[in-house]
C-alpha cells in the first residue's frame, strides 16, 4: 500500500481514480488506529456507487492500519454489509 499511495497527495477531501479507472477512492477523514494517525480512504466502483472497501492508511507504513470490506445487499441498490475487518491492535518500532 505505501508504494502505491505515496504517489498521491493524501489530504482529506481528495479523490482519485484507481487501478486504471476500475475504481474510485475518496479520502473522507483521519482516524487513529493503535496510536497511529491515518487517512480514511473509501473505495467504490463508481463515484456514487456503494462502498466496497474502507482503509485507514498511513503512507509511511507498508500495510493499512485497518481494512474493512463490504458487499452489496442483494435487494438494495446502495446498501452494503460488512463482510470482513482487519485492524492493527498494537504497534511498536
Protein backbone atom coordinates (compact mmCIF):
# COMPACT_ATOMS: atom_id res chain seq x y z
CA UNK A 1 0.00 0.00 0.00
CA UNK A 2 2.71 2.51 0.88
CA UNK A 3 4.36 2.14 -2.55
CA UNK A 4 1.05 2.78 -4.28
CA UNK A 5 -0.27 5.61 -2.12
CA UNK A 6 2.99 7.52 -1.84
CA UNK A 7 2.30 8.69 -5.42
CA UNK A 8 -0.74 10.67 -4.23
CA UNK A 9 -1.09 13.79 -2.12
CA UNK A 10 -3.12 12.35 0.73
CA UNK A 11 -5.43 15.05 2.04
CA UNK A 12 -8.96 14.86 3.38
CA UNK A 13 -11.36 15.53 0.51
CA UNK A 14 -9.00 14.29 -2.23
CA UNK A 15 -10.47 11.84 -4.75
CA UNK A 16 -8.56 9.55 -7.12
CA UNK A 17 -9.43 7.11 -9.91
CA UNK A 18 -7.63 3.87 -9.08
CA UNK A 19 -6.39 0.78 -10.82
CA UNK A 20 -6.67 2.03 -14.40
CA UNK A 21 -10.14 3.52 -13.89
CA UNK A 22 -11.71 0.42 -12.32
CA UNK A 23 -12.48 2.21 -9.07
CA UNK A 24 -12.79 5.49 -7.24
CA UNK A 25 -11.21 6.36 -3.89
CA UNK A 26 -12.01 9.35 -1.71
CA UNK A 27 -10.20 10.37 1.48
CA UNK A 28 -13.02 11.09 3.90
CA UNK A 29 -11.18 11.83 7.14
CA UNK A 30 -8.48 10.82 9.59
CA UNK A 31 -8.55 8.11 12.23
CA UNK A 32 -6.15 6.82 14.87
CA UNK A 33 -5.59 3.07 14.97
CA UNK A 34 -3.25 1.55 17.57
CA UNK A 35 -2.00 5.07 18.34
CA UNK A 36 -1.06 5.82 14.70
CA UNK A 37 -2.79 8.54 12.69
CA UNK A 38 -4.02 7.52 9.25
CA UNK A 39 -6.22 8.66 6.39
CA UNK A 40 -9.66 7.06 5.96
CA UNK A 41 -9.99 6.04 2.30
CA UNK A 42 -13.27 4.80 0.85
CA UNK A 43 -13.24 2.72 -2.34
CA UNK A 44 -16.18 2.43 -4.72
CA UNK A 45 -16.59 1.14 -8.27
CA UNK A 46 -18.19 4.45 -9.23
CA UNK A 47 -18.27 7.88 -7.62
CA UNK A 48 -21.84 7.44 -6.39
CA UNK A 49 -21.76 3.64 -6.12
CA UNK A 50 -21.98 1.57 -2.94
CA UNK A 51 -18.99 1.41 -0.60
CA UNK A 52 -16.83 -1.67 -1.32
CA UNK A 53 -13.80 -1.14 0.95
CA UNK A 54 -12.60 1.27 3.60
CA UNK A 55 -8.92 1.51 4.51
CA UNK A 56 -7.09 3.54 7.12
CA UNK A 57 -3.69 4.26 5.59
CA UNK A 58 -0.50 5.82 6.86
CA UNK A 59 1.77 6.33 3.81
CA UNK A 60 4.87 5.66 5.95
CA UNK A 61 3.74 2.09 6.69
CA UNK A 62 3.64 -0.84 4.28
CA UNK A 63 0.19 -2.17 5.26
CA UNK A 64 -3.11 -0.47 6.11
CA UNK A 65 -3.86 0.20 9.77
CA UNK A 66 -7.40 -1.04 9.21
CA UNK A 67 -9.23 -2.69 6.31
CA UNK A 68 -12.98 -3.18 6.06
CA UNK A 69 -14.63 -4.95 3.11
CA UNK A 70 -18.30 -4.69 2.19
CA UNK A 71 -20.69 -6.33 -0.22
CA UNK A 72 -23.90 -5.06 -1.74
CA UNK A 73 -27.13 -6.35 -0.28
CA UNK A 74 -28.98 -8.27 -2.97
CA UNK A 75 -32.33 -6.45 -2.66
CA UNK A 76 -30.90 -2.97 -2.07
CA UNK A 77 -29.01 -1.00 -4.70
CA UNK A 78 -26.76 1.15 -2.48
CA UNK A 79 -26.93 -0.67 0.86
CA UNK A 80 -23.95 -2.75 1.95
CA UNK A 81 -23.00 -5.05 4.79
CA UNK A 82 -19.59 -5.52 6.38
CA UNK A 83 -18.03 -8.83 5.35
CA UNK A 84 -14.55 -8.59 6.88
CA UNK A 85 -12.45 -6.35 9.09
CA UNK A 86 -8.75 -6.43 9.88
CA UNK A 87 -7.40 -3.88 12.37
CA UNK A 88 -3.96 -3.32 13.84
CA UNK A 89 -4.16 -3.78 17.62
CA UNK A 90 -0.66 -2.77 18.70
CA UNK A 91 2.30 -1.13 17.02
CA UNK A 92 5.86 -0.75 18.26
CA UNK A 93 9.03 0.35 16.49
